[in-house]
Amino acid sequence: MPFQGANRSGFPFTGGSIYVMVSEHGVAGMMEELHRAWREGDRSVLAELVDYAKLYIEHLVQHIDKENNVLFPMLESTAAEVPASKSVEEIERENEHDKWIAVLEELKKKYGV
């Protein structure tokens, strides 16, 4: 379970802000599956892929806003200083952040989104 320290500090996982943030990451997983199917030749998923890409863009804007203005301040108000196990750059590399930004830009250009 993510955010164990926050959970132990009294912030619930199920039904709380942390749960909402974690569940929103599922949008990227669905987009990845659709992109893989499209790359492998299933042209019937294209419209759905474009819809998910648009949703993903909106999701990122809202997600980052919630992280910056809700989750992080909430955690900072109660958490002791703890060194991070990974940098933001490492996390972005692990999740292929640059690859997905390039895919989104390619789709935006191709479909005028």
Protein backbone atom coordinates (compact mmCIF):
# COMPACT_ATOMS: atom_id res chain seq x y z
CA MET A 1 0.00 0.00 0.00
CA PRO A 2 1.41 3.44 -0.91
CA PHE A 3 1.89 6.25 1.62
CA GLN A 4 2.23 3.90 4.60
CA GLY A 5 3.74 6.66 6.73
CA ALA A 6 0.76 8.92 6.08
CA ASN A 7 -1.59 6.05 6.89
CA ARG A 8 0.18 5.42 10.19
CA SER A 9 -0.06 9.17 10.95
CA GLY A 10 -3.85 8.97 10.80
CA PHE A 11 -4.64 9.67 7.15
CA PRO A 12 -6.84 6.80 5.94
CA PHE A 13 -6.11 5.10 2.63
CA THR A 14 -9.59 3.80 1.77
CA GLY A 15 -12.04 6.60 1.08
CA GLY A 16 -9.51 9.35 1.75
CA SER A 17 -7.50 11.80 -0.34
CA ILE A 18 -4.64 9.33 -0.77
CA TYR A 19 -7.00 6.70 -2.22
CA VAL A 20 -8.37 9.21 -4.74
CA MET A 21 -4.88 10.18 -5.87
CA VAL A 22 -3.76 6.55 -6.28
CA SER A 23 -6.93 5.49 -8.14
CA GLU A 24 -6.51 8.31 -10.65
CA HIS A 25 -3.29 6.73 -11.85
CA GLY A 26 -5.45 4.03 -13.51
CA VAL A 27 -6.17 6.37 -16.44
CA ALA A 28 -2.57 6.01 -17.60
CA GLY A 29 -2.81 2.22 -17.45
CA MET A 30 -5.86 2.13 -19.69
CA MET A 31 -4.23 4.50 -22.16
CA GLU A 32 -1.15 2.28 -22.24
CA GLU A 33 -3.26 -0.80 -23.05
CA LEU A 34 -5.11 1.02 -25.84
CA HIS A 35 -1.87 2.40 -27.27
CA ARG A 36 -0.34 -1.09 -27.29
CA ALA A 37 -3.40 -2.51 -29.11
CA TRP A 38 -3.27 0.34 -31.65
CA ARG A 39 0.47 -0.16 -32.20
CA GLU A 40 -0.16 -3.86 -32.80
CA GLY A 41 -2.64 -3.04 -35.55
CA ASP A 42 -6.07 -2.83 -33.87
CA ARG A 43 -7.34 0.33 -35.56
CA SER A 44 -10.75 0.00 -33.87
CA VAL A 45 -9.29 1.37 -30.61
CA LEU A 46 -8.12 4.67 -32.11
CA ALA A 47 -11.14 6.78 -31.15
CA GLU A 48 -11.08 5.42 -27.62
CA LEU A 49 -7.33 6.03 -27.40
CA VAL A 50 -7.81 9.66 -28.45
CA ASP A 51 -10.60 10.04 -25.87
CA TYR A 52 -8.36 8.61 -23.15
CA ALA A 53 -5.50 10.87 -24.26
CA LYS A 54 -7.77 13.91 -23.87
CA LEU A 55 -8.92 12.60 -20.50
CA TYR A 56 -5.29 12.00 -19.53
CA ILE A 57 -4.32 15.58 -20.35
CA GLU A 58 -7.17 16.93 -18.23
CA HIS A 59 -6.40 14.36 -15.56
CA LEU A 60 -2.77 15.49 -15.34
CA VAL A 61 -3.75 19.12 -14.86
CA GLN A 62 -6.24 18.26 -12.11
CA HIS A 63 -4.00 15.60 -10.57
CA ILE A 64 -1.00 17.90 -10.24
CA ASP A 65 -3.19 20.64 -8.81
CA LYS A 66 -4.60 18.23 -6.19
CA GLU A 67 -1.14 16.95 -5.31
CA ASN A 68 0.28 20.44 -4.95
CA ASN A 69 -2.66 22.07 -3.21
CA VAL A 70 -4.29 19.26 -1.21
CA LEU A 71 -2.22 16.13 -0.70
CA PHE A 72 1.26 17.55 -0.21
CA PRO A 73 0.23 20.36 2.16
CA MET A 74 -1.86 17.82 4.15
CA LEU A 75 1.11 15.47 4.47
CA GLU A 76 3.60 18.26 5.15
CA SER A 77 1.50 19.53 8.03
CA THR A 78 1.97 16.28 9.96
CA ALA A 79 5.02 14.53 8.55
CA ALA A 80 8.50 14.69 9.95
CA GLU A 81 11.33 15.30 7.50
CA VAL A 82 12.15 11.95 5.87
CA PRO A 83 14.67 11.52 3.09
CA ALA A 84 13.15 10.42 -0.22
CA SER A 85 14.04 6.96 -1.48
CA LYS A 86 13.82 8.14 -5.10
CA SER A 87 14.05 11.44 -6.91
CA VAL A 88 11.25 12.82 -9.05
CA GLU A 89 13.45 12.19 -12.07
CA GLU A 90 13.88 8.51 -11.14
CA ILE A 91 10.14 8.06 -10.73
CA GLU A 92 9.46 9.76 -14.07
CA ARG A 93 12.03 7.50 -15.79
CA GLU A 94 10.48 4.38 -14.24
CA ASN A 95 7.04 5.39 -15.50
CA GLU A 96 8.30 6.42 -18.95
CA HIS A 97 7.07 9.99 -18.47
CA ASP A 98 8.94 11.36 -21.51
CA LYS A 99 7.63 8.54 -23.72
CA TRP A 100 4.00 9.30 -22.81
CA ILE A 101 4.45 13.04 -23.30
CA ALA A 102 5.86 12.30 -26.78
CA VAL A 103 2.94 9.96 -27.57
CA LEU A 104 0.45 12.62 -26.47
CA GLU A 105 2.16 15.30 -28.55
CA GLU A 106 2.19 12.99 -31.58
CA LEU A 107 -1.53 12.28 -31.20
CA LYS A 108 -2.34 15.97 -30.67
CA LYS A 109 -0.57 16.88 -33.91
CA LYS A 110 -2.03 13.99 -35.87
CA TYR A 111 -5.63 14.54 -34.77
CA GLY A 112 -5.65 18.28 -34.17
CA VAL A 113 -6.44 17.96 -30.49
